Every structure is written in structure tokens, then in C-alpha cells.
Amino acid sequence: MKGVIFTELIRFMEVQSAAFADEVVRDAQLPNDGAYTSVGSYPTEQALALIHAASRLSGQSEEELCRRFGNFLFSRFLILFPHITSAYTTAEALLGHVGTHIHDEVCVLYPDSRPPQITTRQDGTRTIMTYQSHRPMAVIAFGLIQGCMAHYGDPRSISWSASSRGRAATFILSETAHG
């Protein structure tokens, strides 16, 4: 897993407090003591250990932490990769290009990366996104989608279901029913 995810995960924990982030790193018992660089590559298990420790220490579920981290990560991507994100003016446009343009750009920036496979299709008024990954990060993807929609002021609702222990998911964006 790319180091940028690790550095942003530590930054996400530091939002609560630097002391909390330090405590999480200690509790996770990482072989590198939480020393990550954004351009490095690290085992997915280390990210999972950080999330597990943060959940245990904060009392929040791992799912809620991952969702919130996804929201946070989208806001950071706007800052870290403006040359990619500024090309889109709506959530629909950005989300429709995650599996193509955006992940192609990720592979240019990080040639050894293995981003998840994302496909997007329209079904009437609904947008259906599918997520496939060798990593169990579907909840983070859900948070990223939420963050994207919030950023662009997209009022649609998101329903989703995950399978394969979070390695696959289907996200459905649809108009909110009024009545």
C-alpha cells in the first residue's frame, strides 16, 4: 500500500491530537514505529493494525473510523493532487473517472501502485459504482465517495453493500425521495 495513505492516516489521527496518534502507533506495535514516507510502500496489515488500535483506544468502530478517514482523505487529495481533482466540476464527473483517468494518474505518480478497480455506470437516474481490490478497504472508498459528494454539494444519497471482507463493494448514488 502506498505510503501517502499511511502518512494521511497518521495525519487523520493527529487531528484528534498528536498524543492520540502517538498512542495509536505504540499500541499497533509496528515494526517501523510508524515511520512512513508518502512515496514508500508498506504492508496493508500495518494500516489495518493502526485502524484496529485507533478503534480500541477511541471507542469508535473500525468501520466508522474508516468512513471518517475516507472523508478526510478526499479533502487531503484536493490539496495534494489539485492537478487531478481540479479537472472536475461535479461529483458525477470525478466519480465517473476514478477507475480511468484518476487511477491512471496514480499509476504515473506511483508506478508500482495497485489501485482498486472502480467501474461506474448509469442505470436510469442512478449511478452505480463497483469496487474491487486486493485490500479490504471498501469502507474507506465509501468515505471517499461521501467526501467527494459533500465537496461538490451533491445531494444524492448513497446506499452500498460490501462483500469479500471489504474487498468488493457496490455503491448506488440515487436521488433522495421527497414526500
C-alpha atoms as a PDB file:
ATOM      1  CA  MET A   1       0.000   0.000   0.000  1.00  0.00           C
ATOM      2  CA  LYS A   2       1.333   3.430  -0.897  1.00  0.00           C
ATOM      3  CA  GLY A   3       2.884   5.498   1.846  1.00  0.00           C
ATOM      4  CA  VAL A   4       0.672   8.506   1.139  1.00  0.00           C
ATOM      5  CA  ILE A   5      -2.231   6.536   2.646  1.00  0.00           C
ATOM      6  CA  PHE A   6      -0.144   5.867   5.761  1.00  0.00           C
ATOM      7  CA  THR A   7       1.054   9.435   6.165  1.00  0.00           C
ATOM      8  CA  GLU A   8      -2.508  10.685   5.774  1.00  0.00           C
ATOM      9  CA  LEU A   9      -3.807   8.067   8.218  1.00  0.00           C
ATOM     10  CA  ILE A  10      -1.338   9.351  10.837  1.00  0.00           C
ATOM     11  CA  ARG A  11      -2.352  12.942   9.995  1.00  0.00           C
ATOM     12  CA  PHE A  12      -6.027  11.933  10.421  1.00  0.00           C
ATOM     13  CA  MET A  13      -5.256  10.627  13.925  1.00  0.00           C
ATOM     14  CA  GLU A  14      -3.288  13.757  14.747  1.00  0.00           C
ATOM     15  CA  VAL A  15      -6.458  15.778  14.132  1.00  0.00           C
ATOM     16  CA  GLN A  16      -7.695  14.310  17.408  1.00  0.00           C
ATOM     17  CA  SER A  17      -4.300  15.009  18.993  1.00  0.00           C
ATOM     18  CA  ALA A  18      -0.623  14.295  18.493  1.00  0.00           C
ATOM     19  CA  ALA A  19      -0.682  12.331  21.743  1.00  0.00           C
ATOM     20  CA  PHE A  20      -3.516  10.148  20.430  1.00  0.00           C
ATOM     21  CA  ALA A  21      -1.614   9.456  17.196  1.00  0.00           C
ATOM     22  CA  ASP A  22       1.497   8.513  19.190  1.00  0.00           C
ATOM     23  CA  GLU A  23      -0.547   6.226  21.425  1.00  0.00           C
ATOM     24  CA  VAL A  24      -2.112   4.520  18.392  1.00  0.00           C
ATOM     25  CA  VAL A  25       1.296   3.948  16.791  1.00  0.00           C
ATOM     26  CA  ARG A  26       2.658   2.465  20.044  1.00  0.00           C
ATOM     27  CA  ASP A  27      -0.412   0.283  20.518  1.00  0.00           C
ATOM     28  CA  ALA A  28      -0.240  -1.028  16.930  1.00  0.00           C
ATOM     29  CA  GLN A  29       3.274  -2.354  17.616  1.00  0.00           C
ATOM     30  CA  LEU A  30       4.539  -1.589  14.138  1.00  0.00           C
ATOM     31  CA  PRO A  31       7.992  -2.793  13.093  1.00  0.00           C
ATOM     32  CA  ASN A  32       8.903   0.716  11.868  1.00  0.00           C
ATOM     33  CA  ASP A  33       7.369   2.600  14.832  1.00  0.00           C
ATOM     34  CA  GLY A  34       5.055   4.467  12.446  1.00  0.00           C
ATOM     35  CA  ALA A  35       7.840   5.999  10.335  1.00  0.00           C
ATOM     36  CA  TYR A  36       6.289   6.329   6.864  1.00  0.00           C
ATOM     37  CA  THR A  37       7.103   8.357   3.791  1.00  0.00           C
ATOM     38  CA  SER A  38       4.493   9.302   1.217  1.00  0.00           C
ATOM     39  CA  VAL A  39       6.467   7.656  -1.609  1.00  0.00           C
ATOM     40  CA  GLY A  40       7.217   4.385   0.193  1.00  0.00           C
ATOM     41  CA  SER A  41       5.231   1.160   0.049  1.00  0.00           C
ATOM     42  CA  TYR A  42       4.131  -0.687   3.167  1.00  0.00           C
ATOM     43  CA  PRO A  43       2.135  -3.805   4.038  1.00  0.00           C
ATOM     44  CA  THR A  44      -1.623  -3.311   4.188  1.00  0.00           C
ATOM     45  CA  GLU A  45      -1.573  -5.149   7.522  1.00  0.00           C
ATOM     46  CA  GLN A  46       0.180  -2.156   9.099  1.00  0.00           C
ATOM     47  CA  ALA A  47      -2.676   0.170   8.102  1.00  0.00           C
ATOM     48  CA  LEU A  48      -5.154  -2.340   9.484  1.00  0.00           C
ATOM     49  CA  ALA A  49      -3.163  -2.525  12.737  1.00  0.00           C
ATOM     50  CA  LEU A  50      -3.312   1.283  13.039  1.00  0.00           C
ATOM     51  CA  ILE A  51      -7.069   1.303  12.440  1.00  0.00           C
ATOM     52  CA  HIS A  52      -7.598  -1.514  14.933  1.00  0.00           C
ATOM     53  CA  ALA A  53      -5.530   0.303  17.572  1.00  0.00           C
ATOM     54  CA  ALA A  54      -7.313   3.610  16.920  1.00  0.00           C
ATOM     55  CA  SER A  55     -10.669   1.872  17.295  1.00  0.00           C
ATOM     56  CA  ARG A  56      -9.681   0.218  20.538  1.00  0.00           C
ATOM     57  CA  LEU A  57      -8.269   3.432  22.004  1.00  0.00           C
ATOM     58  CA  SER A  58     -11.054   5.772  20.821  1.00  0.00           C
ATOM     59  CA  GLY A  59     -14.042   3.504  21.358  1.00  0.00           C
ATOM     60  CA  GLN A  60     -15.212   4.147  17.784  1.00  0.00           C
ATOM     61  CA  SER A  61     -15.867   1.215  15.486  1.00  0.00           C
ATOM     62  CA  GLU A  62     -13.284   0.394  12.855  1.00  0.00           C
ATOM     63  CA  GLU A  63     -15.971   0.923  10.206  1.00  0.00           C
ATOM     64  CA  GLU A  64     -16.761   4.436  11.458  1.00  0.00           C
ATOM     65  CA  LEU A  65     -13.058   5.339  11.651  1.00  0.00           C
ATOM     66  CA  CYS A  66     -12.505   4.090   8.083  1.00  0.00           C
ATOM     67  CA  ARG A  67     -15.522   6.017   6.793  1.00  0.00           C
ATOM     68  CA  ARG A  68     -14.344   9.197   8.519  1.00  0.00           C
ATOM     69  CA  PHE A  69     -10.807   8.614   7.228  1.00  0.00           C
ATOM     70  CA  GLY A  70     -12.195   8.328   3.684  1.00  0.00           C
ATOM     71  CA  ASN A  71     -13.913  11.713   4.107  1.00  0.00           C
ATOM     72  CA  PHE A  72     -10.680  13.206   5.442  1.00  0.00           C
ATOM     73  CA  LEU A  73      -8.639  11.600   2.667  1.00  0.00           C
ATOM     74  CA  PHE A  74     -10.794  13.155  -0.051  1.00  0.00           C
ATOM     75  CA  SER A  75     -10.227  16.607   1.438  1.00  0.00           C
ATOM     76  CA  ARG A  76      -6.482  15.910   1.504  1.00  0.00           C
ATOM     77  CA  PHE A  77      -6.482  14.687  -2.120  1.00  0.00           C
ATOM     78  CA  LEU A  78      -7.909  18.072  -3.127  1.00  0.00           C
ATOM     79  CA  ILE A  79      -4.798  19.663  -1.595  1.00  0.00           C
ATOM     80  CA  LEU A  80      -2.210  17.029  -2.548  1.00  0.00           C
ATOM     81  CA  PHE A  81      -3.352  16.401  -6.119  1.00  0.00           C
ATOM     82  CA  PRO A  82      -5.058  19.585  -7.377  1.00  0.00           C
ATOM     83  CA  HIS A  83      -3.809  18.915 -10.916  1.00  0.00           C
ATOM     84  CA  ILE A  84      -6.045  15.827 -10.931  1.00  0.00           C
ATOM     85  CA  THR A  85      -9.057  16.924  -8.889  1.00  0.00           C
ATOM     86  CA  SER A  86      -9.403  20.409 -10.398  1.00  0.00           C
ATOM     87  CA  ALA A  87     -10.244  18.862 -13.761  1.00  0.00           C
ATOM     88  CA  TYR A  88     -13.720  18.024 -12.430  1.00  0.00           C
ATOM     89  CA  THR A  89     -16.568  20.380 -11.562  1.00  0.00           C
ATOM     90  CA  THR A  90     -19.110  17.852 -10.267  1.00  0.00           C
ATOM     91  CA  ALA A  91     -19.066  14.750  -8.105  1.00  0.00           C
ATOM     92  CA  GLU A  92     -20.560  12.798 -11.021  1.00  0.00           C
ATOM     93  CA  ALA A  93     -17.703  13.809 -13.316  1.00  0.00           C
ATOM     94  CA  LEU A  94     -14.980  12.982 -10.796  1.00  0.00           C
ATOM     95  CA  LEU A  95     -16.528   9.698  -9.657  1.00  0.00           C
ATOM     96  CA  GLY A  96     -17.071   8.650 -13.261  1.00  0.00           C
ATOM     97  CA  HIS A  97     -13.341   8.945 -13.898  1.00  0.00           C
ATOM     98  CA  VAL A  98     -11.877   7.351 -10.782  1.00  0.00           C
ATOM     99  CA  GLY A  99     -11.314   3.990 -12.474  1.00  0.00           C
ATOM    100  CA  THR A 100      -9.848   5.530 -15.602  1.00  0.00           C
ATOM    101  CA  HIS A 101      -8.201   8.962 -15.560  1.00  0.00           C
ATOM    102  CA  ILE A 102      -7.632   9.270 -11.811  1.00  0.00           C
ATOM    103  CA  HIS A 103      -6.178   5.814 -11.221  1.00  0.00           C
ATOM    104  CA  ASP A 104      -4.125   6.163 -14.419  1.00  0.00           C
ATOM    105  CA  GLU A 105      -2.633   9.331 -12.900  1.00  0.00           C
ATOM    106  CA  VAL A 106      -1.990   7.472  -9.632  1.00  0.00           C
ATOM    107  CA  CYS A 107      -0.025   4.859 -11.589  1.00  0.00           C
ATOM    108  CA  VAL A 108       2.025   7.610 -13.259  1.00  0.00           C
ATOM    109  CA  LEU A 109       2.840   9.161  -9.877  1.00  0.00           C
ATOM    110  CA  TYR A 110       3.416   5.788  -8.193  1.00  0.00           C
ATOM    111  CA  PRO A 111       4.390   3.239 -10.899  1.00  0.00           C
ATOM    112  CA  ASP A 112       4.340   0.270  -8.506  1.00  0.00           C
ATOM    113  CA  SER A 113       0.861   1.078  -7.156  1.00  0.00           C
ATOM    114  CA  ARG A 114      -2.070  -1.303  -7.440  1.00  0.00           C
ATOM    115  CA  PRO A 115      -5.175   0.874  -7.073  1.00  0.00           C
ATOM    116  CA  PRO A 116      -8.556  -0.785  -6.757  1.00  0.00           C
ATOM    117  CA  GLN A 117     -10.613  -1.363  -9.872  1.00  0.00           C
ATOM    118  CA  ILE A 118     -13.546   1.043  -9.980  1.00  0.00           C
ATOM    119  CA  THR A 119     -16.232   0.950 -12.636  1.00  0.00           C
ATOM    120  CA  THR A 120     -19.103   3.389 -12.937  1.00  0.00           C
ATOM    121  CA  ARG A 121     -22.288   3.058 -14.936  1.00  0.00           C
ATOM    122  CA  GLN A 122     -25.635   4.785 -15.203  1.00  0.00           C
ATOM    123  CA  ASP A 123     -28.888   2.944 -14.564  1.00  0.00           C
ATOM    124  CA  GLY A 124     -31.628   5.454 -15.272  1.00  0.00           C
ATOM    125  CA  THR A 125     -31.172   8.180 -12.670  1.00  0.00           C
ATOM    126  CA  ARG A 126     -28.881   6.048 -10.517  1.00  0.00           C
ATOM    127  CA  THR A 127     -25.102   5.908 -10.678  1.00  0.00           C
ATOM    128  CA  ILE A 128     -23.705   2.502  -9.804  1.00  0.00           C
ATOM    129  CA  MET A 129     -20.063   2.159  -8.819  1.00  0.00           C
ATOM    130  CA  THR A 130     -18.338  -1.156  -8.250  1.00  0.00           C
ATOM    131  CA  TYR A 131     -15.164  -1.528  -6.213  1.00  0.00           C
ATOM    132  CA  GLN A 132     -12.758  -4.477  -6.439  1.00  0.00           C
ATOM    133  CA  SER A 133      -9.468  -4.587  -4.563  1.00  0.00           C
ATOM    134  CA  HIS A 134      -6.963  -6.997  -3.098  1.00  0.00           C
ATOM    135  CA  ARG A 135      -7.212  -4.845   0.062  1.00  0.00           C
ATOM    136  CA  PRO A 136     -10.196  -4.742   2.461  1.00  0.00           C
ATOM    137  CA  MET A 137     -10.784  -1.001   2.115  1.00  0.00           C
ATOM    138  CA  ALA A 138     -14.369  -0.690   0.833  1.00  0.00           C
ATOM    139  CA  VAL A 139     -15.394   1.414   3.852  1.00  0.00           C
ATOM    140  CA  ILE A 140     -12.638   3.917   3.079  1.00  0.00           C
ATOM    141  CA  ALA A 141     -13.923   4.033  -0.519  1.00  0.00           C
ATOM    142  CA  PHE A 142     -17.401   4.766   0.873  1.00  0.00           C
ATOM    143  CA  GLY A 143     -15.957   7.654   2.894  1.00  0.00           C
ATOM    144  CA  LEU A 144     -14.099   8.960  -0.165  1.00  0.00           C
ATOM    145  CA  ILE A 145     -17.356   8.962  -2.158  1.00  0.00           C
ATOM    146  CA  GLN A 146     -19.144  10.760   0.693  1.00  0.00           C
ATOM    147  CA  GLY A 147     -16.340  13.319   0.855  1.00  0.00           C
ATOM    148  CA  CYS A 148     -16.492  13.877  -2.901  1.00  0.00           C
ATOM    149  CA  MET A 149     -20.249  14.355  -2.864  1.00  0.00           C
ATOM    150  CA  ALA A 150     -20.072  16.759   0.085  1.00  0.00           C
ATOM    151  CA  HIS A 151     -17.313  18.774  -1.615  1.00  0.00           C
ATOM    152  CA  TYR A 152     -19.375  19.265  -4.761  1.00  0.00           C
ATOM    153  CA  GLY A 153     -22.661  19.743  -2.903  1.00  0.00           C
ATOM    154  CA  ASP A 154     -24.179  16.629  -4.489  1.00  0.00           C
ATOM    155  CA  PRO A 155     -27.446  15.924  -2.613  1.00  0.00           C
ATOM    156  CA  ARG A 156     -27.892  12.317  -3.728  1.00  0.00           C
ATOM    157  CA  SER A 157     -27.987   9.504  -1.216  1.00  0.00           C
ATOM    158  CA  ILE A 158     -25.547   6.608  -1.197  1.00  0.00           C
ATOM    159  CA  SER A 159     -26.504   3.054  -0.445  1.00  0.00           C
ATOM    160  CA  TRP A 160     -23.928   0.329  -0.534  1.00  0.00           C
ATOM    161  CA  SER A 161     -23.075  -3.233   0.268  1.00  0.00           C
ATOM    162  CA  ALA A 162     -19.685  -4.821   0.712  1.00  0.00           C
ATOM    163  CA  SER A 163     -18.581  -8.389   0.197  1.00  0.00           C
ATOM    164  CA  SER A 164     -15.382 -10.432   0.208  1.00  0.00           C
ATOM    165  CA  ARG A 165     -14.463  -8.984   3.617  1.00  0.00           C
ATOM    166  CA  GLY A 166     -14.428  -5.433   2.299  1.00  0.00           C
ATOM    167  CA  ARG A 167     -12.515  -6.241  -0.881  1.00  0.00           C
ATOM    168  CA  ALA A 168     -15.566  -5.674  -3.074  1.00  0.00           C
ATOM    169  CA  ALA A 169     -18.493  -3.291  -2.870  1.00  0.00           C
ATOM    170  CA  THR A 170     -21.298  -1.785  -4.858  1.00  0.00           C
ATOM    171  CA  PHE A 171     -22.224   1.857  -4.268  1.00  0.00           C
ATOM    172  CA  ILE A 172     -25.511   3.242  -5.580  1.00  0.00           C
ATOM    173  CA  LEU A 173     -25.979   7.002  -5.817  1.00  0.00           C
ATOM    174  CA  SER A 174     -29.607   7.983  -6.235  1.00  0.00           C
ATOM    175  CA  GLU A 175     -31.902  10.954  -5.910  1.00  0.00           C
ATOM    176  CA  THR A 176     -33.330  11.332  -2.435  1.00  0.00           C
ATOM    177  CA  ALA A 177     -37.056  10.729  -2.383  1.00  0.00           C
ATOM    178  CA  HIS A 178     -39.112  13.747  -1.326  1.00  0.00           C
ATOM    179  CA  GLY A 179     -42.519  13.405   0.123  1.00  0.00           C
END
